[in-house]
C-alpha atoms as a PDB file:
ATOM      1  CA  MET A   1     225.857  60.025  37.501  1.00  0.00           C
ATOM      2  CA  GLN A   2     224.290  62.606  34.902  1.00  0.00           C
ATOM      3  CA  LEU A   3     223.864  65.848  36.450  1.00  0.00           C
ATOM      4  CA  VAL A   4     220.852  67.763  35.642  1.00  0.00           C
ATOM      5  CA  LYS A   5     220.817  71.554  36.473  1.00  0.00           C
ATOM      6  CA  VAL A   6     218.008  73.355  37.566  1.00  0.00           C
ATOM      7  CA  GLY A   7     216.640  76.557  38.070  1.00  0.00           C
ATOM      8  CA  LEU A   8     214.164  77.683  40.651  1.00  0.00           C
ATOM      9  CA  CYS A   9     211.845  80.497  39.756  1.00  0.00           C
ATOM     10  CA  ALA A  10     211.153  81.560  43.535  1.00  0.00           C
ATOM     11  CA  PHE A  11     212.203  81.073  46.910  1.00  0.00           C
ATOM     12  CA  GLY A  12     209.145  81.434  49.061  1.00  0.00           C
ATOM     13  CA  MET A  13     207.283  78.422  50.887  1.00  0.00           C
ATOM     14  CA  SER A  14     207.239  76.093  47.968  1.00  0.00           C
ATOM     15  CA  GLY A  15     210.799  76.519  47.119  1.00  0.00           C
ATOM     16  CA  LYS A  16     211.996  76.054  50.668  1.00  0.00           C
ATOM     17  CA  VAL A  17     209.724  73.248  51.170  1.00  0.00           C
ATOM     18  CA  PHE A  18     208.853  71.353  48.349  1.00  0.00           C
ATOM     19  CA  HIS A  19     211.901  71.773  46.014  1.00  0.00           C
ATOM     20  CA  ALA A  20     214.656  72.716  47.012  1.00  0.00           C
ATOM     21  CA  PRO A  21     215.373  70.242  49.581  1.00  0.00           C
ATOM     22  CA  PHE A  22     214.793  67.284  47.522  1.00  0.00           C
ATOM     23  CA  LEU A  23     216.826  68.640  44.437  1.00  0.00           C
ATOM     24  CA  LYS A  24     219.775  69.142  46.969  1.00  0.00           C
ATOM     25  CA  GLU A  25     219.561  65.618  48.432  1.00  0.00           C
ATOM     26  CA  HIS A  26     218.977  64.053  45.072  1.00  0.00           C
ATOM     27  CA  PRO A  27     222.415  63.257  43.225  1.00  0.00           C
ATOM     28  CA  GLY A  28     220.995  63.629  39.844  1.00  0.00           C
ATOM     29  CA  PHE A  29     220.115  67.421  40.036  1.00  0.00           C
ATOM     30  CA  PHE A  30     222.116  70.276  40.872  1.00  0.00           C
ATOM     31  CA  MET A  31     220.159  73.781  41.680  1.00  0.00           C
ATOM     32  CA  SER A  32     222.252  76.064  39.642  1.00  0.00           C
ATOM     33  CA  GLY A  33     220.311  79.481  39.977  1.00  0.00           C
ATOM     34  CA  VAL A  34     217.325  80.547  41.963  1.00  0.00           C
ATOM     35  CA  VAL A  35     215.383  83.815  41.907  1.00  0.00           C
ATOM     36  CA  GLU A  36     214.938  85.909  44.905  1.00  0.00           C
ATOM     37  CA  ARG A  37     213.629  89.513  44.068  1.00  0.00           C
ATOM     38  CA  SER A  38     215.188  91.064  47.417  1.00  0.00           C
ATOM     39  CA  LYS A  39     216.551  88.626  49.710  1.00  0.00           C
ATOM     40  CA  GLU A  40     219.046  86.134  50.288  1.00  0.00           C
ATOM     41  CA  ASP A  41     217.362  83.230  52.055  1.00  0.00           C
ATOM     42  CA  SER A  42     218.817  80.657  49.916  1.00  0.00           C
ATOM     43  CA  LYS A  43     222.421  80.900  50.594  1.00  0.00           C
ATOM     44  CA  GLU A  44     222.649  79.456  53.843  1.00  0.00           C
ATOM     45  CA  LYS A  45     221.462  76.041  52.576  1.00  0.00           C
ATOM     46  CA  TYR A  46     222.290  76.355  49.156  1.00  0.00           C
ATOM     47  CA  PRO A  47     225.426  78.442  48.762  1.00  0.00           C
ATOM     48  CA  ASP A  48     226.434  77.044  45.238  1.00  0.00           C
ATOM     49  CA  ALA A  49     223.052  78.386  43.871  1.00  0.00           C
ATOM     50  CA  VAL A  50     223.296  81.764  42.221  1.00  0.00           C
ATOM     51  CA  ILE A  51     220.889  84.310  43.133  1.00  0.00           C
ATOM     52  CA  TYR A  52     219.239  86.074  40.646  1.00  0.00           C
ATOM     53  CA  ARG A  53     216.739  89.122  40.921  1.00  0.00           C
ATOM     54  CA  SER A  54     214.146  88.076  38.161  1.00  0.00           C
ATOM     55  CA  VAL A  55     213.248  84.864  36.216  1.00  0.00           C
ATOM     56  CA  GLU A  56     214.603  86.776  33.016  1.00  0.00           C
ATOM     57  CA  GLU A  57     217.983  87.395  34.182  1.00  0.00           C
ATOM     58  CA  MET A  58     217.993  83.726  35.363  1.00  0.00           C
ATOM     59  CA  LEU A  59     217.119  82.530  31.974  1.00  0.00           C
ATOM     60  CA  ALA A  60     219.559  84.490  30.224  1.00  0.00           C
ATOM     61  CA  ASN A  61     222.474  83.512  32.239  1.00  0.00           C
ATOM     62  CA  ALA A  62     222.068  80.479  34.311  1.00  0.00           C
ATOM     63  CA  ASP A  63     223.517  77.156  33.038  1.00  0.00           C
ATOM     64  CA  ILE A  64     220.514  75.383  33.835  1.00  0.00           C
ATOM     65  CA  GLU A  65     218.323  72.821  31.541  1.00  0.00           C
ATOM     66  CA  LEU A  66     215.349  72.441  33.961  1.00  0.00           C
ATOM     67  CA  VAL A  67     213.281  75.236  35.232  1.00  0.00           C
ATOM     68  CA  VAL A  68     210.761  75.048  38.165  1.00  0.00           C
ATOM     69  CA  VAL A  69     207.710  77.494  37.819  1.00  0.00           C
ATOM     70  CA  ASN A  70     206.749  77.559  41.656  1.00  0.00           C
ATOM     71  CA  THR A  71     205.498  81.309  41.235  1.00  0.00           C
ATOM     72  CA  PRO A  72     202.036  82.242  41.806  1.00  0.00           C
ATOM     73  CA  VAL A  73     199.392  80.474  39.376  1.00  0.00           C
ATOM     74  CA  GLN A  74     198.798  83.993  37.711  1.00  0.00           C
ATOM     75  CA  THR A  75     202.538  84.108  36.540  1.00  0.00           C
ATOM     76  CA  HIS A  76     202.572  80.307  35.289  1.00  0.00           C
ATOM     77  CA  PHE A  77     201.761  80.840  31.528  1.00  0.00           C
ATOM     78  CA  GLU A  78     204.217  83.907  31.214  1.00  0.00           C
ATOM     79  CA  TYR A  79     206.980  82.304  33.001  1.00  0.00           C
ATOM     80  CA  ALA A  80     206.566  78.619  31.722  1.00  0.00           C
ATOM     81  CA  LYS A  81     206.210  80.033  27.915  1.00  0.00           C
ATOM     82  CA  MET A  82     209.792  82.223  28.674  1.00  0.00           C
ATOM     83  CA  ALA A  83     211.513  79.130  29.714  1.00  0.00           C
ATOM     84  CA  LEU A  84     210.291  76.803  27.110  1.00  0.00           C
ATOM     85  CA  ASN A  85     211.411  79.564  24.348  1.00  0.00           C
ATOM     86  CA  ALA A  86     214.586  79.951  26.237  1.00  0.00           C
ATOM     87  CA  GLY A  87     215.070  76.071  25.081  1.00  0.00           C
ATOM     88  CA  LYS A  88     214.691  74.921  28.869  1.00  0.00           C
ATOM     89  CA  ASN A  89     212.372  72.214  30.046  1.00  0.00           C
ATOM     90  CA  VAL A  90     209.806  72.743  32.677  1.00  0.00           C
ATOM     91  CA  ILE A  91     208.361  71.735  35.884  1.00  0.00           C
ATOM     92  CA  VAL A  92     205.135  74.019  36.796  1.00  0.00           C
ATOM     93  CA  GLU A  93     203.299  73.960  40.275  1.00  0.00           C
ATOM     94  CA  LYS A  94     199.688  72.775  40.083  1.00  0.00           C
ATOM     95  CA  PRO A  95     197.135  73.628  39.135  1.00  0.00           C
ATOM     96  CA  PHE A  96     199.469  74.049  35.589  1.00  0.00           C
ATOM     97  CA  THR A  97     197.792  77.634  34.701  1.00  0.00           C
ATOM     98  CA  VAL A  98     194.955  79.954  35.094  1.00  0.00           C
ATOM     99  CA  THR A  99     192.962  78.988  31.981  1.00  0.00           C
ATOM    100  CA  LEU A 100     192.413  75.786  29.765  1.00  0.00           C
ATOM    101  CA  ALA A 101     193.489  77.848  26.966  1.00  0.00           C
ATOM    102  CA  GLU A 102     196.962  78.672  28.369  1.00  0.00           C
ATOM    103  CA  ALA A 103     197.847  74.851  29.393  1.00  0.00           C
ATOM    104  CA  GLU A 104     196.882  73.776  25.792  1.00  0.00           C
ATOM    105  CA  GLU A 105     199.592  76.663  24.370  1.00  0.00           C
ATOM    106  CA  LEU A 106     202.363  75.731  26.493  1.00  0.00           C
ATOM    107  CA  VAL A 107     201.892  71.919  25.767  1.00  0.00           C
ATOM    108  CA  LYS A 108     201.879  72.960  21.971  1.00  0.00           C
ATOM    109  CA  LEU A 109     204.621  74.817  22.435  1.00  0.00           C
ATOM    110  CA  ALA A 110     206.684  72.305  24.480  1.00  0.00           C
ATOM    111  CA  ASP A 111     205.908  69.552  21.676  1.00  0.00           C
ATOM    112  CA  GLU A 112     206.919  72.108  18.793  1.00  0.00           C
ATOM    113  CA  LYS A 113     210.248  72.842  20.475  1.00  0.00           C
ATOM    114  CA  GLY A 114     211.198  69.342  21.622  1.00  0.00           C
ATOM    115  CA  LEU A 115     210.831  69.881  25.507  1.00  0.00           C
ATOM    116  CA  PHE A 116     208.794  68.484  28.384  1.00  0.00           C
ATOM    117  CA  ILE A 117     206.492  70.530  30.836  1.00  0.00           C
ATOM    118  CA  SER A 118     205.575  68.433  33.745  1.00  0.00           C
ATOM    119  CA  VAL A 119     203.298  69.495  36.319  1.00  0.00           C
ATOM    120  CA  TYR A 120     204.034  69.287  40.204  1.00  0.00           C
ATOM    121  CA  GLN A 121     201.457  66.906  41.411  1.00  0.00           C
ATOM    122  CA  ASN A 122     202.834  65.994  44.403  1.00  0.00           C
ATOM    123  CA  ARG A 123     199.902  64.496  46.143  1.00  0.00           C
ATOM    124  CA  ARG A 124     200.139  61.670  43.867  1.00  0.00           C
ATOM    125  CA  PHE A 125     202.986  60.732  46.080  1.00  0.00           C
ATOM    126  CA  ASP A 126     201.071  60.966  49.608  1.00  0.00           C
ATOM    127  CA  ARG A 127     200.687  57.707  52.057  1.00  0.00           C
ATOM    128  CA  ASP A 128     196.955  57.939  51.930  1.00  0.00           C
ATOM    129  CA  TYR A 129     196.412  58.540  47.944  1.00  0.00           C
ATOM    130  CA  LEU A 130     198.474  55.437  47.616  1.00  0.00           C
ATOM    131  CA  GLN A 131     196.719  53.473  50.166  1.00  0.00           C
ATOM    132  CA  VAL A 132     193.399  54.274  48.165  1.00  0.00           C
ATOM    133  CA  GLN A 133     195.248  53.357  44.673  1.00  0.00           C
ATOM    134  CA  LYS A 134     195.900  50.241  46.292  1.00  0.00           C
ATOM    135  CA  ILE A 135     192.522  49.261  47.685  1.00  0.00           C
ATOM    136  CA  ILE A 136     190.957  50.268  44.158  1.00  0.00           C
ATOM    137  CA  GLN A 137     193.697  47.924  42.676  1.00  0.00           C
ATOM    138  CA  GLU A 138     192.852  44.791  44.956  1.00  0.00           C
ATOM    139  CA  ASN A 139     189.001  45.368  43.669  1.00  0.00           C
ATOM    140  CA  ARG A 140     188.276  44.344  47.164  1.00  0.00           C
ATOM    141  CA  LEU A 141     185.286  46.595  47.198  1.00  0.00           C
ATOM    142  CA  GLY A 142     183.517  45.149  44.246  1.00  0.00           C
ATOM    143  CA  ASN A 143     182.062  47.595  42.017  1.00  0.00           C
ATOM    144  CA  LEU A 144     182.442  50.992  43.257  1.00  0.00           C
ATOM    145  CA  LYS A 145     179.255  52.825  43.462  1.00  0.00           C
ATOM    146  CA  GLU A 146     179.758  56.331  45.401  1.00  0.00           C
ATOM    147  CA  VAL A 147     183.436  57.901  46.432  1.00  0.00           C
ATOM    148  CA  GLU A 148     183.928  61.275  48.193  1.00  0.00           C
ATOM    149  CA  ILE A 149     187.326  63.007  48.387  1.00  0.00           C
ATOM    150  CA  ARG A 150     187.863  65.877  50.822  1.00  0.00           C
ATOM    151  CA  PHE A 151     190.172  68.284  51.651  1.00  0.00           C
ATOM    152  CA  ASP A 152     189.323  70.460  54.335  1.00  0.00           C
ATOM    153  CA  ARG A 153     190.883  73.182  56.510  1.00  0.00           C
ATOM    154  CA  PHE A 154     190.095  75.299  59.195  1.00  0.00           C
ATOM    155  CA  ARG A 155     191.172  78.487  57.917  1.00  0.00           C
ATOM    156  CA  THR A 156     188.647  81.166  58.697  1.00  0.00           C
ATOM    157  CA  GLU A 157     190.601  84.633  58.486  1.00  0.00           C
ATOM    158  CA  ALA A 158     192.328  86.105  55.604  1.00  0.00           C
ATOM    159  CA  SER A 159     195.710  84.806  54.877  1.00  0.00           C
ATOM    160  CA  GLY A 160     196.710  88.200  53.178  1.00  0.00           C
ATOM    161  CA  LYS A 161     197.722  86.152  50.218  1.00  0.00           C
ATOM    162  CA  GLN A 162     196.108  88.097  47.291  1.00  0.00           C
ATOM    163  CA  HIS A 163     196.970  85.530  44.467  1.00  0.00           C
ATOM    164  CA  LYS A 164     194.983  83.329  46.716  1.00  0.00           C
ATOM    165  CA  GLU A 165     191.856  85.432  47.793  1.00  0.00           C
ATOM    166  CA  ASN A 166     191.413  87.983  45.887  1.00  0.00           C
ATOM    167  CA  PRO A 167     188.133  87.224  43.573  1.00  0.00           C
ATOM    168  CA  GLU A 168     189.370  89.720  41.086  1.00  0.00           C
ATOM    169  CA  GLN A 169     192.411  87.449  40.298  1.00  0.00           C
ATOM    170  CA  MET A 170     191.497  85.040  37.991  1.00  0.00           C
ATOM    171  CA  GLY A 171     192.973  81.526  39.325  1.00  0.00           C
ATOM    172  CA  SER A 172     192.665  82.559  42.747  1.00  0.00           C
ATOM    173  CA  GLY A 173     190.734  80.724  45.515  1.00  0.00           C
ATOM    174  CA  SER A 174     190.319  76.723  46.256  1.00  0.00           C
ATOM    175  CA  LEU A 175     189.319  75.178  43.511  1.00  0.00           C
ATOM    176  CA  HIS A 176     192.513  75.800  41.722  1.00  0.00           C
ATOM    177  CA  ASP A 177     194.483  75.675  44.823  1.00  0.00           C
ATOM    178  CA  LEU A 178     193.073  72.448  46.401  1.00  0.00           C
ATOM    179  CA  GLY A 179     190.414  71.480  44.174  1.00  0.00           C
ATOM    180  CA  SER A 180     193.042  70.544  41.259  1.00  0.00           C
ATOM    181  CA  HIS A 181     194.615  67.859  43.854  1.00  0.00           C
ATOM    182  CA  LEU A 182     191.298  66.551  44.082  1.00  0.00           C
ATOM    183  CA  ILE A 183     190.601  66.398  40.462  1.00  0.00           C
ATOM    184  CA  ASP A 184     193.893  64.844  39.738  1.00  0.00           C
ATOM    185  CA  GLN A 185     193.427  62.360  42.323  1.00  0.00           C
ATOM    186  CA  ALA A 186     190.111  61.185  40.629  1.00  0.00           C
ATOM    187  CA  THR A 187     191.148  61.564  37.118  1.00  0.00           C
ATOM    188  CA  GLN A 188     193.771  58.854  38.165  1.00  0.00           C
ATOM    189  CA  PHE A 189     191.734  56.689  40.117  1.00  0.00           C
ATOM    190  CA  PHE A 190     188.917  56.762  37.776  1.00  0.00           C
ATOM    191  CA  GLY A 191     189.582  58.487  34.262  1.00  0.00           C
ATOM    192  CA  TYR A 192     187.705  61.312  32.610  1.00  0.00           C
ATOM    193  CA  PRO A 193     184.086  61.801  33.709  1.00  0.00           C
ATOM    194  CA  GLU A 194     180.969  62.085  31.484  1.00  0.00           C
ATOM    195  CA  LYS A 195     179.545  65.290  33.121  1.00  0.00           C
ATOM    196  CA  LEU A 196     179.634  67.049  36.440  1.00  0.00           C
ATOM    197  CA  PHE A 197     177.852  69.636  38.506  1.00  0.00           C
ATOM    198  CA  ALA A 198     179.181  71.904  40.966  1.00  0.00           C
ATOM    199  CA  ASP A 199     178.855  74.254  43.765  1.00  0.00           C
ATOM    200  CA  ILE A 200     181.471  76.835  44.279  1.00  0.00           C
ATOM    201  CA  PHE A 201     181.568  80.221  46.185  1.00  0.00           C
ATOM    202  CA  SER A 202     183.366  81.691  49.256  1.00  0.00           C
ATOM    203  CA  MET A 203     181.826  81.238  52.901  1.00  0.00           C
ATOM    204  CA  LYS A 204     183.710  83.970  53.996  1.00  0.00           C
ATOM    205  CA  GLY A 205     181.868  86.535  51.681  1.00  0.00           C
ATOM    206  CA  ASN A 206     182.171  87.873  48.144  1.00  0.00           C
ATOM    207  CA  GLU A 207     184.884  89.810  49.081  1.00  0.00           C
ATOM    208  CA  PHE A 208     187.158  86.552  49.130  1.00  0.00           C
ATOM    209  CA  ALA A 209     187.747  84.133  46.410  1.00  0.00           C
ATOM    210  CA  ASN A 210     185.981  80.847  46.414  1.00  0.00           C
ATOM    211  CA  ASP A 211     186.745  78.660  49.988  1.00  0.00           C
ATOM    212  CA  TYR A 212     184.189  75.886  49.403  1.00  0.00           C
ATOM    213  CA  PHE A 213     183.386  73.776  46.568  1.00  0.00           C
ATOM    214  CA  GLU A 214     181.698  70.636  45.953  1.00  0.00           C
ATOM    215  CA  ILE A 215     181.777  69.222  42.143  1.00  0.00           C
ATOM    216  CA  LEU A 216     179.847  65.583  41.372  1.00  0.00           C
ATOM    217  CA  LEU A 217     181.603  63.707  38.750  1.00  0.00           C
ATOM    218  CA  TYR A 218     179.235  61.374  36.666  1.00  0.00           C
ATOM    219  CA  TYR A 219     181.141  58.108  35.689  1.00  0.00           C
ATOM    220  CA  PRO A 220     180.010  55.096  33.604  1.00  0.00           C
ATOM    221  CA  ASN A 221     178.405  52.078  35.500  1.00  0.00           C
ATOM    222  CA  ASN A 222     176.525  54.512  38.002  1.00  0.00           C
ATOM    223  CA  LEU A 223     179.735  55.537  39.856  1.00  0.00           C
ATOM    224  CA  ARG A 224     179.130  58.818  41.602  1.00  0.00           C
ATOM    225  CA  LEU A 225     182.339  60.874  42.727  1.00  0.00           C
ATOM    226  CA  ARG A 226     181.979  63.676  45.290  1.00  0.00           C
ATOM    227  CA  LEU A 227     184.965  66.245  45.457  1.00  0.00           C
ATOM    228  CA  LYS A 228     184.340  68.523  48.357  1.00  0.00           C
ATOM    229  CA  SER A 229     186.600  71.271  50.271  1.00  0.00           C
ATOM    230  CA  SER A 230     185.762  73.771  53.074  1.00  0.00           C
ATOM    231  CA  VAL A 231     187.804  76.085  55.165  1.00  0.00           C
ATOM    232  CA  PHE A 232     185.371  75.793  58.341  1.00  0.00           C
ATOM    233  CA  SER A 233     186.132  72.144  59.337  1.00  0.00           C
ATOM    234  CA  LYS A 234     187.301  72.396  62.633  1.00  0.00           C
ATOM    235  CA  GLU A 235     186.581  68.431  63.125  1.00  0.00           C
ATOM    236  CA  ALA A 236     188.811  66.065  60.608  1.00  0.00           C
ATOM    237  CA  HIS A 237     186.523  64.017  57.887  1.00  0.00           C
ATOM    238  CA  TYR A 238     188.002  61.183  56.617  1.00  0.00           C
ATOM    239  CA  ALA A 239     189.611  62.244  53.229  1.00  0.00           C
ATOM    240  CA  TYR A 240     188.796  59.345  51.399  1.00  0.00           C
ATOM    241  CA  ILE A 241     185.269  57.155  51.543  1.00  0.00           C
ATOM    242  CA  LEU A 242     184.668  54.582  48.820  1.00  0.00           C
ATOM    243  CA  HIS A 243     181.460  52.138  49.008  1.00  0.00           C
ATOM    244  CA  GLY A 244     181.173  49.355  46.527  1.00  0.00           C
ATOM    245  CA  ASP A 245     178.485  46.282  46.091  1.00  0.00           C
ATOM    246  CA  LYS A 246     181.427  44.349  48.463  1.00  0.00           C
ATOM    247  CA  GLY A 247     182.317  46.608  51.099  1.00  0.00           C
ATOM    248  CA  SER A 248     183.603  50.136  52.041  1.00  0.00           C
ATOM    249  CA  PHE A 249     187.111  51.927  52.790  1.00  0.00           C
ATOM    250  CA  LEU A 250     187.558  54.856  54.604  1.00  0.00           C
ATOM    251  CA  GLN A 251     190.972  56.839  54.569  1.00  0.00           C
ATOM    252  CA  GLU A 252     192.220  59.451  56.620  1.00  0.00           C
ATOM    253  CA  ARG A 253     194.231  62.313  55.282  1.00  0.00           C
ATOM    254  CA  SER A 254     197.265  61.450  56.924  1.00  0.00           C
ATOM    255  CA  ASP A 255     200.472  62.085  55.063  1.00  0.00           C
ATOM    256  CA  ASP A 256     202.987  64.678  56.981  1.00  0.00           C
ATOM    257  CA  GLN A 257     205.434  65.098  54.702  1.00  0.00           C
ATOM    258  CA  GLU A 258     204.420  68.972  54.138  1.00  0.00           C
ATOM    259  CA  ASN A 259     204.597  69.287  57.997  1.00  0.00           C
ATOM    260  CA  GLU A 260     207.923  67.652  58.689  1.00  0.00           C
ATOM    261  CA  LEU A 261     209.281  69.693  55.775  1.00  0.00           C
ATOM    262  CA  VAL A 262     208.359  72.822  57.302  1.00  0.00           C
ATOM    263  CA  ALA A 263     209.499  72.060  60.707  1.00  0.00           C
ATOM    264  CA  GLY A 264     212.925  71.345  58.989  1.00  0.00           C
ATOM    265  CA  SER A 265     213.263  67.610  57.992  1.00  0.00           C
ATOM    266  CA  ILE A 266     215.643  66.545  55.536  1.00  0.00           C
ATOM    267  CA  PRO A 267     214.330  63.978  52.953  1.00  0.00           C
ATOM    268  CA  VAL A 268     216.716  61.213  52.407  1.00  0.00           C
ATOM    269  CA  TYR A 269     217.387  59.620  48.627  1.00  0.00           C
ATOM    270  CA  GLY A 270     216.754  56.476  48.389  1.00  0.00           C
ATOM    271  CA  LYS A 271     214.843  55.344  51.308  1.00  0.00           C
ATOM    272  CA  GLU A 272     212.008  56.526  53.614  1.00  0.00           C
ATOM    273  CA  TRP A 273     212.764  59.796  55.483  1.00  0.00           C
ATOM    274  CA  THR A 274     209.371  60.370  57.641  1.00  0.00           C
ATOM    275  CA  LYS A 275     208.235  59.379  60.741  1.00  0.00           C
ATOM    276  CA  PRO A 276     206.214  56.117  60.966  1.00  0.00           C
ATOM    277  CA  LEU A 277     202.462  56.258  61.597  1.00  0.00           C
ATOM    278  CA  LYS A 278     201.540  55.868  65.702  1.00  0.00           C
ATOM    279  CA  GLU A 279     197.914  54.738  64.759  1.00  0.00           C
ATOM    280  CA  THR A 280     195.995  53.029  61.936  1.00  0.00           C
ATOM    281  CA  ASP A 281     194.587  55.666  59.587  1.00  0.00           C
ATOM    282  CA  GLY A 282     191.802  53.476  57.693  1.00  0.00           C
ATOM    283  CA  ILE A 283     188.972  51.220  58.083  1.00  0.00           C
ATOM    284  CA  LEU A 284     188.284  48.445  55.267  1.00  0.00           C
ATOM    285  CA  ASN A 285     185.078  46.513  55.646  1.00  0.00           C
ATOM    286  CA  TYR A 286     184.297  44.198  53.172  1.00  0.00           C
ATOM    287  CA  ILE A 287     182.977  40.936  52.183  1.00  0.00           C
ATOM    288  CA  ASN A 288     185.807  38.551  51.652  1.00  0.00           C
ATOM    289  CA  GLU A 289     186.136  35.603  48.979  1.00  0.00           C
ATOM    290  CA  SER A 290     184.133  33.077  51.504  1.00  0.00           C
ATOM    291  CA  SER A 291     181.325  35.287  52.079  1.00  0.00           C
ATOM    292  CA  GLU A 292     182.452  36.713  55.423  1.00  0.00           C
ATOM    293  CA  THR A 293     182.491  40.094  56.481  1.00  0.00           C
ATOM    294  CA  GLU A 294     186.145  41.495  57.481  1.00  0.00           C
ATOM    295  CA  ARG A 295     186.563  44.533  59.169  1.00  0.00           C
ATOM    296  CA  ILE A 296     190.085  45.542  59.129  1.00  0.00           C
ATOM    297  CA  LEU A 297     191.973  48.417  60.610  1.00  0.00           C
ATOM    298  CA  THR A 298     194.465  49.454  58.063  1.00  0.00           C
ATOM    299  CA  SER A 299     197.656  51.613  58.118  1.00  0.00           C
ATOM    300  CA  SER A 300     199.212  53.039  55.041  1.00  0.00           C
ATOM    301  CA  GLU A 301     203.119  52.838  53.805  1.00  0.00           C
ATOM    302  CA  ALA A 302     204.992  55.936  53.691  1.00  0.00           C
ATOM    303  CA  GLY A 303     204.765  58.327  51.038  1.00  0.00           C
ATOM    304  CA  ASN A 304     207.704  60.193  49.372  1.00  0.00           C
ATOM    305  CA  TYR A 305     208.079  63.552  47.269  1.00  0.00           C
ATOM    306  CA  MET A 306     211.270  62.473  46.266  1.00  0.00           C
ATOM    307  CA  ASN A 307     209.922  59.922  43.897  1.00  0.00           C
ATOM    308  CA  TYR A 308     208.247  62.690  41.807  1.00  0.00           C
ATOM    309  CA  TYR A 309     211.790  64.066  40.940  1.00  0.00           C
ATOM    310  CA  GLN A 310     213.407  60.502  40.657  1.00  0.00           C
ATOM    311  CA  GLN A 311     210.874  60.026  37.643  1.00  0.00           C
ATOM    312  CA  VAL A 312     211.451  63.221  36.347  1.00  0.00           C
ATOM    313  CA  TYR A 313     215.319  62.178  36.355  1.00  0.00           C
ATOM    314  CA  GLU A 314     214.649  58.796  35.182  1.00  0.00           C
ATOM    315  CA  TYR A 315     212.627  60.410  32.151  1.00  0.00           C
ATOM    316  CA  ILE A 316     215.506  62.703  31.499  1.00  0.00           C
ATOM    317  CA  VAL A 317     218.556  60.157  31.529  1.00  0.00           C
ATOM    318  CA  PHE A 318     216.266  56.667  30.259  1.00  0.00           C
ATOM    319  CA  GLY A 319     213.481  57.838  28.789  1.00  0.00           C
ATOM    320  CA  TYR A 320     211.002  56.330  31.422  1.00  0.00           C
ATOM    321  CA  ALA A 321     207.626  57.590  31.938  1.00  0.00           C
ATOM    322  CA  LEU A 322     207.357  61.553  32.623  1.00  0.00           C
ATOM    323  CA  PRO A 323     205.501  61.825  35.901  1.00  0.00           C
ATOM    324  CA  SER A 324     202.150  64.168  35.277  1.00  0.00           C
ATOM    325  CA  PRO A 325     203.002  65.431  31.747  1.00  0.00           C
ATOM    326  CA  GLY A 326     201.395  68.526  30.473  1.00  0.00           C
ATOM    327  CA  TYR A 327     199.140  66.947  28.033  1.00  0.00           C
ATOM    328  CA  GLU A 328     197.427  64.710  30.756  1.00  0.00           C
ATOM    329  CA  ILE A 329     196.758  67.775  33.268  1.00  0.00           C
ATOM    330  CA  ILE A 330     194.826  69.396  30.305  1.00  0.00           C
ATOM    331  CA  GLN A 331     192.027  67.197  31.332  1.00  0.00           C
ATOM    332  CA  ASN A 332     192.314  68.426  34.720  1.00  0.00           C
ATOM    333  CA  MET A 333     191.805  71.937  33.653  1.00  0.00           C
ATOM    334  CA  LYS A 334     189.186  70.973  31.272  1.00  0.00           C
ATOM    335  CA  ILE A 335     187.203  69.996  34.350  1.00  0.00           C
ATOM    336  CA  ILE A 336     188.010  73.083  36.296  1.00  0.00           C
ATOM    337  CA  GLU A 337     186.504  75.232  33.843  1.00  0.00           C
ATOM    338  CA  ALA A 338     183.486  73.111  33.388  1.00  0.00           C
ATOM    339  CA  ALA A 339     183.065  73.137  37.203  1.00  0.00           C
ATOM    340  CA  GLU A 340     183.053  77.024  37.241  1.00  0.00           C
ATOM    341  CA  LYS A 341     180.543  77.201  34.472  1.00  0.00           C
ATOM    342  CA  SER A 342     178.635  74.603  36.481  1.00  0.00           C
ATOM    343  CA  SER A 343     178.481  76.930  39.393  1.00  0.00           C
ATOM    344  CA  LYS A 344     177.634  79.965  37.359  1.00  0.00           C
ATOM    345  CA  GLU A 345     174.789  78.365  35.203  1.00  0.00           C
ATOM    346  CA  GLY A 346     173.651  76.015  38.061  1.00  0.00           C
ATOM    347  CA  LYS A 347     173.255  73.215  35.603  1.00  0.00           C
ATOM    348  CA  VAL A 348     174.993  69.696  34.617  1.00  0.00           C
ATOM    349  CA  ILE A 349     177.880  69.945  32.238  1.00  0.00           C
ATOM    350  CA  HIS A 350     178.603  66.952  29.565  1.00  0.00           C
ATOM    351  CA  LEU A 351     182.231  66.724  29.226  1.00  0.00           C
ATOM    352  CA  ASP A 352     183.979  66.098  25.757  1.00  0.00           C
END
């Protein structure tokens, strides 16, 4: 099996949870290097990975062909550009970069150098997202008229993470963080909207970056799609609500991969590794082909973040489709910037 050597730019929460376990368990990848500026936490589980004290040092010395940029978003552009100029393919975490201009420059640079850049959109491999995708493709709801996608939390206190909560830092806040997931799911389901209206602010106060947003996306055929997130949501809402002219579908945010990984679960290559659902997680209420109403409690099938890395591997080795390529995610960055403009100016923004 062809081995792809990988360098990891950080070994914080995302490195430990979302990347290193999958790189280790996938037989096609080898984690050659990892950046830890002062610690050596990776040694215990990944003793074969050389520890470097900076991204620059890793790029100069490590025998790698793929770099995972999993540092704070404010550094994504710098490190991804550095890796591309060093002749490395790049995976960069969502939302991609701080600005649209930075994202466009990276995509152009990768193209010029004959390299690839993929954005790690792991939520495309959540069980709840996949279930909604299935329902849409089956067309049981008829012509969709109203859709809502939410990602709520109850985090009323400061986390202490300046790159996420300092309003003075571009790219901080929920819009770039959770919003990038919801925007990506909206564009995957329905494509690029015609226009939008957004309300974005900080419920915790002006000394914090935005922690609330509501974005209304306008699509053809009178479809309205609402994206919403709040950190003052103690009781869970349905994460996905779809209403069409033949019925409705409600889906909980039920994927637990992140929590299981944090708790120490080891992903398994080639098979399901998450715990099965204990209860149903959705409601489908629709008019069937016999013009009868059916109300069904549904259960989503397991998601698997390993499939992201499997698709990356298949692209490298076999030339199959690259998951979430940079040029595709540029449309998400356009929506983020348009939402910021809409909220600031209090008006509907027409998209290109």
